[in-house]
Amino acid sequence: MEKGMARSKKKEIVSHTPKRKELEAPKKPKKKKKTQRDPGASQRFKEITQRAKEIREKHPKMKWKNCIKQASKERYTTTKPK
């Protein structure tokens, strides 16, 4: 016998017993909750996109993501309701 095999144990074959979840009936998929959408969101996004295009024309090397951030910041800091 080899040195490493002297202490090894033979693995036992275990029969498969179904778990509790496998015994239960399959569950129906959950329904998604309907959320209220803001009707003005589309208009605000169009305004931000338009301003981002103007910024991009002035600064062509600026990344689009940064143009959107700047346009959004400009819109919400100037027209923030009190």
PDB file of N, CA and C in Angstrom:
ATOM      1  N   MET A   1       0.826  -1.189   0.000  1.00  0.00           N
ATOM      2  CA  MET A   1       0.000   0.000   0.000  1.00  0.00           C
ATOM      3  C   MET A   1       0.869   1.250   0.000  1.00  0.00           C
ATOM      4  N   GLU A   2       0.300   2.265  -0.661  1.00  0.00           N
ATOM      5  CA  GLU A   2       1.021   3.529  -0.677  1.00  0.00           C
ATOM      6  C   GLU A   2       0.779   4.256   0.633  1.00  0.00           C
ATOM      7  N   LYS A   3       1.677   5.161   0.926  1.00  0.00           N
ATOM      8  CA  LYS A   3       1.595   5.884   2.176  1.00  0.00           C
ATOM      9  C   LYS A   3       0.312   6.727   2.276  1.00  0.00           C
ATOM     10  N   GLY A   4      -0.049   7.456   1.213  1.00  0.00           N
ATOM     11  CA  GLY A   4      -1.210   8.344   1.229  1.00  0.00           C
ATOM     12  C   GLY A   4      -2.532   7.594   1.252  1.00  0.00           C
ATOM     13  N   MET A   5      -2.566   6.387   0.763  1.00  0.00           N
ATOM     14  CA  MET A   5      -3.816   5.637   0.672  1.00  0.00           C
ATOM     15  C   MET A   5      -4.145   4.878   1.962  1.00  0.00           C
ATOM     16  N   ALA A   6      -3.235   4.789   2.897  1.00  0.00           N
ATOM     17  CA  ALA A   6      -3.439   3.999   4.104  1.00  0.00           C
ATOM     18  C   ALA A   6      -4.577   4.540   4.961  1.00  0.00           C
ATOM     19  N   ARG A   7      -4.723   5.850   5.024  1.00  0.00           N
ATOM     20  CA  ARG A   7      -5.743   6.433   5.885  1.00  0.00           C
ATOM     21  C   ARG A   7      -7.025   6.788   5.140  1.00  0.00           C
ATOM     22  N   SER A   8      -7.100   6.572   3.864  1.00  0.00           N
ATOM     23  CA  SER A   8      -8.294   6.957   3.104  1.00  0.00           C
ATOM     24  C   SER A   8      -9.438   5.992   3.382  1.00  0.00           C
ATOM     25  N   LYS A   9     -10.632   6.508   3.292  1.00  0.00           N
ATOM     26  CA  LYS A   9     -11.819   5.696   3.513  1.00  0.00           C
ATOM     27  C   LYS A   9     -12.577   5.572   2.206  1.00  0.00           C
ATOM     28  N   LYS A  10     -13.225   4.482   2.025  1.00  0.00           N
ATOM     29  CA  LYS A  10     -14.004   4.253   0.829  1.00  0.00           C
ATOM     30  C   LYS A  10     -15.313   5.040   0.944  1.00  0.00           C
ATOM     31  N   LYS A  11     -15.669   5.734  -0.128  1.00  0.00           N
ATOM     32  CA  LYS A  11     -16.896   6.520  -0.107  1.00  0.00           C
ATOM     33  C   LYS A  11     -18.095   5.600  -0.223  1.00  0.00           C
ATOM     34  N   GLU A  12     -19.117   5.918   0.548  1.00  0.00           N
ATOM     35  CA  GLU A  12     -20.334   5.123   0.506  1.00  0.00           C
ATOM     36  C   GLU A  12     -21.285   5.706  -0.539  1.00  0.00           C
ATOM     37  N   ILE A  13     -22.006   4.843  -1.192  1.00  0.00           N
ATOM     38  CA  ILE A  13     -22.993   5.287  -2.162  1.00  0.00           C
ATOM     39  C   ILE A  13     -24.288   5.535  -1.413  1.00  0.00           C
ATOM     40  N   VAL A  14     -24.777   6.772  -1.513  1.00  0.00           N
ATOM     41  CA  VAL A  14     -25.992   7.168  -0.811  1.00  0.00           C
ATOM     42  C   VAL A  14     -27.101   7.313  -1.834  1.00  0.00           C
ATOM     43  N   SER A  15     -28.243   6.723  -1.532  1.00  0.00           N
ATOM     44  CA  SER A  15     -29.371   6.853  -2.452  1.00  0.00           C
ATOM     45  C   SER A  15     -29.941   8.264  -2.344  1.00  0.00           C
ATOM     46  N   HIS A  16     -30.448   8.760  -3.440  1.00  0.00           N
ATOM     47  CA  HIS A  16     -30.974  10.121  -3.486  1.00  0.00           C
ATOM     48  C   HIS A  16     -32.351  10.169  -2.841  1.00  0.00           C
ATOM     49  N   THR A  17     -32.471  10.986  -1.814  1.00  0.00           N
ATOM     50  CA  THR A  17     -33.774  11.192  -1.192  1.00  0.00           C
ATOM     51  C   THR A  17     -34.225  12.605  -1.544  1.00  0.00           C
ATOM     52  N   PRO A  18     -35.452  12.769  -2.009  1.00  0.00           N
ATOM     53  CA  PRO A  18     -35.910  14.095  -2.415  1.00  0.00           C
ATOM     54  C   PRO A  18     -35.988  15.044  -1.218  1.00  0.00           C
ATOM     55  N   LYS A  19     -35.615  16.283  -1.460  1.00  0.00           N
ATOM     56  CA  LYS A  19     -35.675  17.290  -0.407  1.00  0.00           C
ATOM     57  C   LYS A  19     -37.090  17.827  -0.304  1.00  0.00           C
ATOM     58  N   ARG A  20     -37.332  18.614   0.729  1.00  0.00           N
ATOM     59  CA  ARG A  20     -38.660  19.151   0.990  1.00  0.00           C
ATOM     60  C   ARG A  20     -39.174  19.972  -0.192  1.00  0.00           C
ATOM     61  N   LYS A  21     -38.312  20.797  -0.780  1.00  0.00           N
ATOM     62  CA  LYS A  21     -38.721  21.641  -1.897  1.00  0.00           C
ATOM     63  C   LYS A  21     -39.129  20.804  -3.108  1.00  0.00           C
ATOM     64  N   GLU A  22     -38.460  19.682  -3.308  1.00  0.00           N
ATOM     65  CA  GLU A  22     -38.781  18.826  -4.447  1.00  0.00           C
ATOM     66  C   GLU A  22     -40.114  18.105  -4.250  1.00  0.00           C
ATOM     67  N   LEU A  23     -40.510  17.910  -3.003  1.00  0.00           N
ATOM     68  CA  LEU A  23     -41.767  17.229  -2.720  1.00  0.00           C
ATOM     69  C   LEU A  23     -42.966  18.150  -2.932  1.00  0.00           C
ATOM     70  N   GLU A  24     -42.770  19.465  -2.724  1.00  0.00           N
ATOM     71  CA  GLU A  24     -43.864  20.417  -2.869  1.00  0.00           C
ATOM     72  C   GLU A  24     -44.209  20.615  -4.340  1.00  0.00           C
ATOM     73  N   ALA A  25     -45.423  21.084  -4.581  1.00  0.00           N
ATOM     74  CA  ALA A  25     -45.859  21.370  -5.956  1.00  0.00           C
ATOM     75  C   ALA A  25     -45.082  22.572  -6.482  1.00  0.00           C
ATOM     76  N   PRO A  26     -44.843  22.628  -7.781  1.00  0.00           N
ATOM     77  CA  PRO A  26     -44.110  23.776  -8.334  1.00  0.00           C
ATOM     78  C   PRO A  26     -44.888  25.070  -8.142  1.00  0.00           C
ATOM     79  N   LYS A  27     -44.174  26.137  -7.831  1.00  0.00           N
ATOM     80  CA  LYS A  27     -44.812  27.417  -7.554  1.00  0.00           C
ATOM     81  C   LYS A  27     -45.040  28.184  -8.847  1.00  0.00           C
ATOM     82  N   LYS A  28     -46.068  29.015  -8.848  1.00  0.00           N
ATOM     83  CA  LYS A  28     -46.364  29.857  -9.994  1.00  0.00           C
ATOM     84  C   LYS A  28     -45.415  31.059  -9.971  1.00  0.00           C
ATOM     85  N   PRO A  29     -45.037  31.566 -11.134  1.00  0.00           N
ATOM     86  CA  PRO A  29     -44.153  32.738 -11.142  1.00  0.00           C
ATOM     87  C   PRO A  29     -44.865  33.963 -10.571  1.00  0.00           C
ATOM     88  N   LYS A  30     -44.098  34.806  -9.889  1.00  0.00           N
ATOM     89  CA  LYS A  30     -44.672  35.993  -9.277  1.00  0.00           C
ATOM     90  C   LYS A  30     -45.039  37.007 -10.353  1.00  0.00           C
ATOM     91  N   LYS A  31     -46.149  37.696 -10.127  1.00  0.00           N
ATOM     92  CA  LYS A  31     -46.566  38.736 -11.050  1.00  0.00           C
ATOM     93  C   LYS A  31     -45.818  40.026 -10.721  1.00  0.00           C
ATOM     94  N   LYS A  32     -45.475  40.768 -11.767  1.00  0.00           N
ATOM     95  CA  LYS A  32     -44.796  42.037 -11.549  1.00  0.00           C
ATOM     96  C   LYS A  32     -45.807  43.072 -11.070  1.00  0.00           C
ATOM     97  N   LYS A  33     -45.366  43.903 -10.150  1.00  0.00           N
ATOM     98  CA  LYS A  33     -46.223  44.957  -9.644  1.00  0.00           C
ATOM     99  C   LYS A  33     -46.262  46.089 -10.660  1.00  0.00           C
ATOM    100  N   LYS A  34     -47.436  46.639 -10.842  1.00  0.00           N
ATOM    101  CA  LYS A  34     -47.566  47.772 -11.739  1.00  0.00           C
ATOM    102  C   LYS A  34     -47.198  49.030 -10.969  1.00  0.00           C
ATOM    103  N   THR A  35     -46.296  49.800 -11.542  1.00  0.00           N
ATOM    104  CA  THR A  35     -45.874  51.032 -10.893  1.00  0.00           C
ATOM    105  C   THR A  35     -46.452  52.216 -11.637  1.00  0.00           C
ATOM    106  N   GLN A  36     -46.646  53.270 -10.939  1.00  0.00           N
ATOM    107  CA  GLN A  36     -47.155  54.491 -11.546  1.00  0.00           C
ATOM    108  C   GLN A  36     -45.996  55.174 -12.267  1.00  0.00           C
ATOM    109  N   ARG A  37     -46.184  55.471 -13.528  1.00  0.00           N
ATOM    110  CA  ARG A  37     -45.163  56.161 -14.292  1.00  0.00           C
ATOM    111  C   ARG A  37     -45.443  57.653 -14.278  1.00  0.00           C
ATOM    112  N   ASP A  38     -44.371  58.406 -14.259  1.00  0.00           N
ATOM    113  CA  ASP A  38     -44.484  59.850 -14.268  1.00  0.00           C
ATOM    114  C   ASP A  38     -44.740  60.312 -15.698  1.00  0.00           C
ATOM    115  N   PRO A  39     -45.878  60.959 -15.969  1.00  0.00           N
ATOM    116  CA  PRO A  39     -46.185  61.352 -17.346  1.00  0.00           C
ATOM    117  C   PRO A  39     -45.243  62.418 -17.897  1.00  0.00           C
ATOM    118  N   GLY A  40     -44.624  63.211 -17.051  1.00  0.00           N
ATOM    119  CA  GLY A  40     -43.727  64.265 -17.517  1.00  0.00           C
ATOM    120  C   GLY A  40     -42.296  63.811 -17.685  1.00  0.00           C
ATOM    121  N   ALA A  41     -42.000  62.565 -17.352  1.00  0.00           N
ATOM    122  CA  ALA A  41     -40.620  62.076 -17.407  1.00  0.00           C
ATOM    123  C   ALA A  41     -40.080  62.093 -18.830  1.00  0.00           C
ATOM    124  N   SER A  42     -40.902  61.714 -19.790  1.00  0.00           N
ATOM    125  CA  SER A  42     -40.465  61.674 -21.180  1.00  0.00           C
ATOM    126  C   SER A  42     -40.105  63.076 -21.670  1.00  0.00           C
ATOM    127  N   GLN A  43     -40.924  64.050 -21.311  1.00  0.00           N
ATOM    128  CA  GLN A  43     -40.666  65.428 -21.726  1.00  0.00           C
ATOM    129  C   GLN A  43     -39.380  65.946 -21.089  1.00  0.00           C
ATOM    130  N   ARG A  44     -39.179  65.656 -19.813  1.00  0.00           N
ATOM    131  CA  ARG A  44     -37.952  66.101 -19.139  1.00  0.00           C
ATOM    132  C   ARG A  44     -36.731  65.475 -19.780  1.00  0.00           C
ATOM    133  N   PHE A  45     -36.832  64.183 -20.129  1.00  0.00           N
ATOM    134  CA  PHE A  45     -35.707  63.503 -20.755  1.00  0.00           C
ATOM    135  C   PHE A  45     -35.386  64.121 -22.115  1.00  0.00           C
ATOM    136  N   LYS A  46     -36.415  64.495 -22.870  1.00  0.00           N
ATOM    137  CA  LYS A  46     -36.199  65.142 -24.168  1.00  0.00           C
ATOM    138  C   LYS A  46     -35.480  66.480 -23.995  1.00  0.00           C
ATOM    139  N   GLU A  47     -35.878  67.239 -22.973  1.00  0.00           N
ATOM    140  CA  GLU A  47     -35.236  68.528 -22.707  1.00  0.00           C
ATOM    141  C   GLU A  47     -33.771  68.339 -22.329  1.00  0.00           C
ATOM    142  N   ILE A  48     -33.500  67.371 -21.489  1.00  0.00           N
ATOM    143  CA  ILE A  48     -32.126  67.100 -21.074  1.00  0.00           C
ATOM    144  C   ILE A  48     -31.292  66.662 -22.272  1.00  0.00           C
ATOM    145  N   THR A  49     -31.846  65.794 -23.111  1.00  0.00           N
ATOM    146  CA  THR A  49     -31.131  65.311 -24.290  1.00  0.00           C
ATOM    147  C   THR A  49     -30.831  66.453 -25.251  1.00  0.00           C
ATOM    148  N   GLN A  50     -31.797  67.341 -25.432  1.00  0.00           N
ATOM    149  CA  GLN A  50     -31.600  68.483 -26.328  1.00  0.00           C
ATOM    150  C   GLN A  50     -30.468  69.370 -25.814  1.00  0.00           C
ATOM    151  N   ARG A  51     -30.480  69.639 -24.518  1.00  0.00           N
ATOM    152  CA  ARG A  51     -29.420  70.479 -23.926  1.00  0.00           C
ATOM    153  C   ARG A  51     -28.072  69.769 -24.012  1.00  0.00           C
ATOM    154  N   ALA A  52     -28.057  68.450 -23.856  1.00  0.00           N
ATOM    155  CA  ALA A  52     -26.813  67.686 -23.946  1.00  0.00           C
ATOM    156  C   ALA A  52     -26.238  67.769 -25.363  1.00  0.00           C
ATOM    157  N   LYS A  53     -27.113  67.767 -26.367  1.00  0.00           N
ATOM    158  CA  LYS A  53     -26.655  67.908 -27.757  1.00  0.00           C
ATOM    159  C   LYS A  53     -25.988  69.263 -27.971  1.00  0.00           C
ATOM    160  N   GLU A  54     -26.572  70.314 -27.372  1.00  0.00           N
ATOM    161  CA  GLU A  54     -25.987  71.656 -27.482  1.00  0.00           C
ATOM    162  C   GLU A  54     -24.617  71.711 -26.814  1.00  0.00           C
ATOM    163  N   ILE A  55     -24.515  71.096 -25.658  1.00  0.00           N
ATOM    164  CA  ILE A  55     -23.229  71.056 -24.943  1.00  0.00           C
ATOM    165  C   ILE A  55     -22.202  70.300 -25.769  1.00  0.00           C
ATOM    166  N   ARG A  56     -22.622  69.213 -26.386  1.00  0.00           N
ATOM    167  CA  ARG A  56     -21.718  68.376 -27.183  1.00  0.00           C
ATOM    168  C   ARG A  56     -21.208  69.128 -28.414  1.00  0.00           C
ATOM    169  N   GLU A  57     -22.059  69.995 -28.992  1.00  0.00           N
ATOM    170  CA  GLU A  57     -21.615  70.798 -30.137  1.00  0.00           C
ATOM    171  C   GLU A  57     -20.508  71.758 -29.727  1.00  0.00           C
ATOM    172  N   LYS A  58     -20.628  72.343 -28.541  1.00  0.00           N
ATOM    173  CA  LYS A  58     -19.618  73.278 -28.053  1.00  0.00           C
ATOM    174  C   LYS A  58     -18.345  72.562 -27.624  1.00  0.00           C
ATOM    175  N   HIS A  59     -18.497  71.357 -27.078  1.00  0.00           N
ATOM    176  CA  HIS A  59     -17.350  70.575 -26.576  1.00  0.00           C
ATOM    177  C   HIS A  59     -17.391  69.180 -27.199  1.00  0.00           C
ATOM    178  N   PRO A  60     -16.902  69.021 -28.435  1.00  0.00           N
ATOM    179  CA  PRO A  60     -17.024  67.725 -29.125  1.00  0.00           C
ATOM    180  C   PRO A  60     -16.263  66.570 -28.475  1.00  0.00           C
ATOM    181  N   LYS A  61     -15.246  66.872 -27.704  1.00  0.00           N
ATOM    182  CA  LYS A  61     -14.458  65.791 -27.092  1.00  0.00           C
ATOM    183  C   LYS A  61     -15.052  65.306 -25.776  1.00  0.00           C
ATOM    184  N   MET A  62     -16.055  66.008 -25.279  1.00  0.00           N
ATOM    185  CA  MET A  62     -16.674  65.615 -24.010  1.00  0.00           C
ATOM    186  C   MET A  62     -17.486  64.335 -24.219  1.00  0.00           C
ATOM    187  N   LYS A  63     -17.416  63.441 -23.254  1.00  0.00           N
ATOM    188  CA  LYS A  63     -18.172  62.192 -23.337  1.00  0.00           C
ATOM    189  C   LYS A  63     -19.663  62.485 -23.209  1.00  0.00           C
ATOM    190  N   TRP A  64     -20.462  61.645 -23.882  1.00  0.00           N
ATOM    191  CA  TRP A  64     -21.912  61.832 -23.886  1.00  0.00           C
ATOM    192  C   TRP A  64     -22.489  61.741 -22.480  1.00  0.00           C
ATOM    193  N   LYS A  65     -21.975  60.809 -21.703  1.00  0.00           N
ATOM    194  CA  LYS A  65     -22.459  60.627 -20.335  1.00  0.00           C
ATOM    195  C   LYS A  65     -22.265  61.911 -19.522  1.00  0.00           C
ATOM    196  N   ASN A  66     -21.127  62.559 -19.704  1.00  0.00           N
ATOM    197  CA  ASN A  66     -20.852  63.789 -18.971  1.00  0.00           C
ATOM    198  C   ASN A  66     -21.725  64.936 -19.469  1.00  0.00           C
ATOM    199  N   CYS A  67     -22.054  64.930 -20.768  1.00  0.00           N
ATOM    200  CA  CYS A  67     -22.962  65.947 -21.309  1.00  0.00           C
ATOM    201  C   CYS A  67     -24.342  65.811 -20.683  1.00  0.00           C
ATOM    202  N   ILE A  68     -24.812  64.578 -20.570  1.00  0.00           N
ATOM    203  CA  ILE A  68     -26.114  64.323 -19.952  1.00  0.00           C
ATOM    204  C   ILE A  68     -26.107  64.775 -18.498  1.00  0.00           C
ATOM    205  N   LYS A  69     -25.038  64.456 -17.773  1.00  0.00           N
ATOM    206  CA  LYS A  69     -24.933  64.852 -16.366  1.00  0.00           C
ATOM    207  C   LYS A  69     -24.987  66.369 -16.225  1.00  0.00           C
ATOM    208  N   GLN A  70     -24.221  67.054 -17.062  1.00  0.00           N
ATOM    209  CA  GLN A  70     -24.176  68.507 -16.981  1.00  0.00           C
ATOM    210  C   GLN A  70     -25.525  69.121 -17.336  1.00  0.00           C
ATOM    211  N   ALA A  71     -26.165  68.617 -18.385  1.00  0.00           N
ATOM    212  CA  ALA A  71     -27.465  69.134 -18.788  1.00  0.00           C
ATOM    213  C   ALA A  71     -28.501  68.916 -17.690  1.00  0.00           C
ATOM    214  N   SER A  72     -28.477  67.751 -17.063  1.00  0.00           N
ATOM    215  CA  SER A  72     -29.408  67.445 -15.992  1.00  0.00           C
ATOM    216  C   SER A  72     -29.155  68.358 -14.797  1.00  0.00           C
ATOM    217  N   LYS A  73     -27.889  68.554 -14.485  1.00  0.00           N
ATOM    218  CA  LYS A  73     -27.531  69.410 -13.355  1.00  0.00           C
ATOM    219  C   LYS A  73     -28.011  70.836 -13.607  1.00  0.00           C
ATOM    220  N   GLU A  74     -27.806  71.327 -14.841  1.00  0.00           N
ATOM    221  CA  GLU A  74     -28.250  72.677 -15.187  1.00  0.00           C
ATOM    222  C   GLU A  74     -29.770  72.800 -15.066  1.00  0.00           C
ATOM    223  N   ARG A  75     -30.471  71.808 -15.535  1.00  0.00           N
ATOM    224  CA  ARG A  75     -31.941  71.861 -15.528  1.00  0.00           C
ATOM    225  C   ARG A  75     -32.495  71.862 -14.107  1.00  0.00           C
ATOM    226  N   TYR A  76     -31.957  71.005 -13.264  1.00  0.00           N
ATOM    227  CA  TYR A  76     -32.536  70.850 -11.935  1.00  0.00           C
ATOM    228  C   TYR A  76     -32.025  71.848 -10.921  1.00  0.00           C
ATOM    229  N   THR A  77     -30.894  72.506 -11.167  1.00  0.00           N
ATOM    230  CA  THR A  77     -30.448  73.515 -10.227  1.00  0.00           C
ATOM    231  C   THR A  77     -31.132  74.845 -10.516  1.00  0.00           C
ATOM    232  N   THR A  78     -31.520  75.079 -11.777  1.00  0.00           N
ATOM    233  CA  THR A  78     -32.159  76.360 -12.111  1.00  0.00           C
ATOM    234  C   THR A  78     -33.672  76.318 -11.917  1.00  0.00           C
ATOM    235  N   THR A  79     -34.313  75.202 -12.156  1.00  0.00           N
ATOM    236  CA  THR A  79     -35.785  75.124 -12.077  1.00  0.00           C
ATOM    237  C   THR A  79     -36.255  74.231 -10.941  1.00  0.00           C
ATOM    238  N   LYS A  80     -35.527  74.255  -9.839  1.00  0.00           N
ATOM    239  CA  LYS A  80     -35.895  73.393  -8.710  1.00  0.00           C
ATOM    240  C   LYS A  80     -37.043  74.047  -7.927  1.00  0.00           C
ATOM    241  N   PRO A  81     -38.182  73.336  -7.760  1.00  0.00           N
ATOM    242  CA  PRO A  81     -39.313  73.931  -7.014  1.00  0.00           C
ATOM    243  C   PRO A  81     -38.989  74.060  -5.529  1.00  0.00           C
ATOM    244  N   LYS A  82     -39.506  75.133  -4.917  1.00  0.00           N
ATOM    245  CA  LYS A  82     -39.227  75.356  -3.476  1.00  0.00           C
ATOM    246  C   LYS A  82     -40.403  74.972  -2.628  1.00  0.00           C
TER     247      LYS A  82
END
